[in-house]
């Protein structure tokens, strides 16, 4: 039994990740729509943080409603790119995938910064 687990460790982990993601997408996110978590940053400053709307945007993206997702938070597509890079690294943790992962994180942070700047400018106008 132990040999079977060791031999199929990646497949078992990927299966568990798939099940967890499915539960998250179809059970937890709809629950969050009914019980939203308030953004502390928005409560204090009146300006949405860079991640405001990201959960709803992910939900829209997974249901193939890309324009709705982009309206909620344009950085959602870069977040999905980063999640894909993490999945590739999980499957094959080589040197090239480490570079891909680092580039994806940098692009994600830059895109979140741009979203925040646009939100600041929108409030100032």
Protein backbone atom coordinates (compact mmCIF):
# COMPACT_ATOMS: atom_id res chain seq x y z
CA UNK A 1 0.00 0.00 0.00
CA UNK A 2 2.82 2.37 0.88
CA UNK A 3 4.49 1.68 -2.47
CA UNK A 4 1.27 2.47 -4.30
CA UNK A 5 0.98 5.80 -2.50
CA UNK A 6 4.60 6.75 -3.20
CA UNK A 7 4.34 5.74 -6.87
CA UNK A 8 1.15 7.74 -7.44
CA UNK A 9 1.79 10.63 -5.08
CA UNK A 10 1.40 13.33 -7.75
CA UNK A 11 -1.75 11.83 -9.22
CA UNK A 12 -3.34 11.55 -5.77
CA UNK A 13 -2.36 15.13 -4.92
CA UNK A 14 -3.72 16.43 -8.24
CA UNK A 15 -6.96 14.54 -7.68
CA UNK A 16 -7.33 16.03 -4.21
CA UNK A 17 -6.60 19.51 -5.56
CA UNK A 18 -9.22 19.02 -8.27
CA UNK A 19 -11.82 17.90 -5.71
CA UNK A 20 -10.98 20.82 -3.40
CA UNK A 21 -11.15 23.31 -6.28
CA UNK A 22 -14.51 21.91 -7.40
CA UNK A 23 -15.92 22.21 -3.89
CA UNK A 24 -14.52 25.74 -3.62
CA UNK A 25 -15.98 26.85 -6.95
CA UNK A 26 -19.42 25.30 -6.64
CA UNK A 27 -20.06 25.38 -2.88
CA UNK A 28 -17.92 27.92 -1.05
CA UNK A 29 -17.96 30.80 -3.56
CA UNK A 30 -21.79 30.81 -3.89
CA UNK A 31 -21.97 30.78 -0.08
CA UNK A 32 -19.63 33.80 -0.01
CA UNK A 33 -22.01 35.66 -2.34
CA UNK A 34 -24.74 35.26 0.28
CA UNK A 35 -22.40 36.07 3.18
CA UNK A 36 -19.85 38.57 1.81
CA UNK A 37 -16.74 39.33 3.82
CA UNK A 38 -16.32 43.11 4.11
CA UNK A 39 -13.07 44.62 2.89
CA UNK A 40 -11.37 46.37 5.80
CA UNK A 41 -9.42 48.60 3.41
CA UNK A 42 -12.60 49.75 1.68
CA UNK A 43 -14.37 50.25 5.02
CA UNK A 44 -11.61 52.55 6.26
CA UNK A 45 -10.61 54.41 3.07
CA UNK A 46 -13.65 54.09 0.85
CA UNK A 47 -11.39 52.75 -1.91
CA UNK A 48 -11.44 49.11 -2.96
CA UNK A 49 -8.21 47.22 -2.38
CA UNK A 50 -6.48 45.52 -5.34
CA UNK A 51 -8.16 42.22 -4.48
CA UNK A 52 -11.71 43.57 -4.10
CA UNK A 53 -13.99 41.62 -6.41
CA UNK A 54 -11.44 38.87 -7.04
CA UNK A 55 -13.54 36.03 -5.60
CA UNK A 56 -16.53 36.99 -7.70
CA UNK A 57 -14.26 37.51 -10.73
CA UNK A 58 -12.80 34.00 -10.29
CA UNK A 59 -16.31 32.60 -10.09
CA UNK A 60 -17.28 34.40 -13.31
CA UNK A 61 -14.10 33.22 -15.04
CA UNK A 62 -14.68 29.58 -14.09
CA UNK A 63 -18.18 29.91 -15.54
CA UNK A 64 -16.67 31.31 -18.77
CA UNK A 65 -18.08 34.82 -18.31
CA UNK A 66 -14.82 36.61 -19.02
CA UNK A 67 -16.16 40.14 -19.60
CA UNK A 68 -18.03 40.08 -16.30
CA UNK A 69 -14.87 38.86 -14.59
CA UNK A 70 -12.77 41.63 -16.14
CA UNK A 71 -15.28 44.26 -15.02
CA UNK A 72 -15.07 43.01 -11.44
CA UNK A 73 -11.27 42.83 -11.29
CA UNK A 74 -9.07 42.97 -14.41
CA UNK A 75 -6.20 41.23 -12.60
CA UNK A 76 -8.20 37.98 -12.49
CA UNK A 77 -6.71 36.76 -15.76
CA UNK A 78 -3.19 37.27 -14.43
CA UNK A 79 -4.18 35.45 -11.23
CA UNK A 80 -5.26 32.49 -13.34
CA UNK A 81 -1.91 32.67 -15.18
CA UNK A 82 -0.14 32.53 -11.81
CA UNK A 83 -2.31 29.60 -10.65
CA UNK A 84 -1.45 27.80 -13.88
CA UNK A 85 2.26 28.43 -13.32
CA UNK A 86 1.91 27.04 -9.78
CA UNK A 87 0.16 23.94 -11.14
CA UNK A 88 2.89 23.42 -13.75
CA UNK A 89 5.54 23.79 -11.04
CA UNK A 90 3.69 21.27 -8.87
CA UNK A 91 3.69 18.74 -11.70
CA UNK A 92 7.27 19.38 -12.84
CA UNK A 93 9.40 21.34 -10.34
CA UNK A 94 12.28 22.03 -12.72
CA UNK A 95 14.44 25.09 -13.19
CA UNK A 96 12.39 26.42 -16.09
CA UNK A 97 9.15 26.14 -14.13
CA UNK A 98 10.71 28.03 -11.22
CA UNK A 99 11.48 30.88 -13.63
CA UNK A 100 7.93 30.73 -15.01
CA UNK A 101 6.55 30.87 -11.47
CA UNK A 102 8.68 33.90 -10.58
CA UNK A 103 7.68 35.74 -13.74
CA UNK A 104 4.00 34.98 -13.08
CA UNK A 105 4.25 36.34 -9.52
CA UNK A 106 5.95 39.52 -10.72
CA UNK A 107 3.31 40.06 -13.42
CA UNK A 108 0.55 39.41 -10.87
CA UNK A 109 1.97 41.95 -8.40
CA UNK A 110 2.38 44.54 -11.15
CA UNK A 111 -1.18 44.00 -12.37
CA UNK A 112 -2.56 44.32 -8.83
CA UNK A 113 -0.60 47.55 -8.45
CA UNK A 114 -2.06 48.87 -11.71
CA UNK A 115 -5.59 47.93 -10.59
CA UNK A 116 -5.03 49.80 -7.34
CA UNK A 117 -3.69 52.90 -9.14
CA UNK A 118 -6.73 52.94 -11.42
CA UNK A 119 -9.02 52.60 -8.41
CA UNK A 120 -7.25 55.51 -6.72
CA UNK A 121 -7.51 57.66 -9.85
CA UNK A 122 -11.18 56.79 -10.25
CA UNK A 123 -11.89 57.98 -6.69
CA UNK A 124 -9.93 61.21 -7.19
CA UNK A 125 -11.86 62.17 -10.36
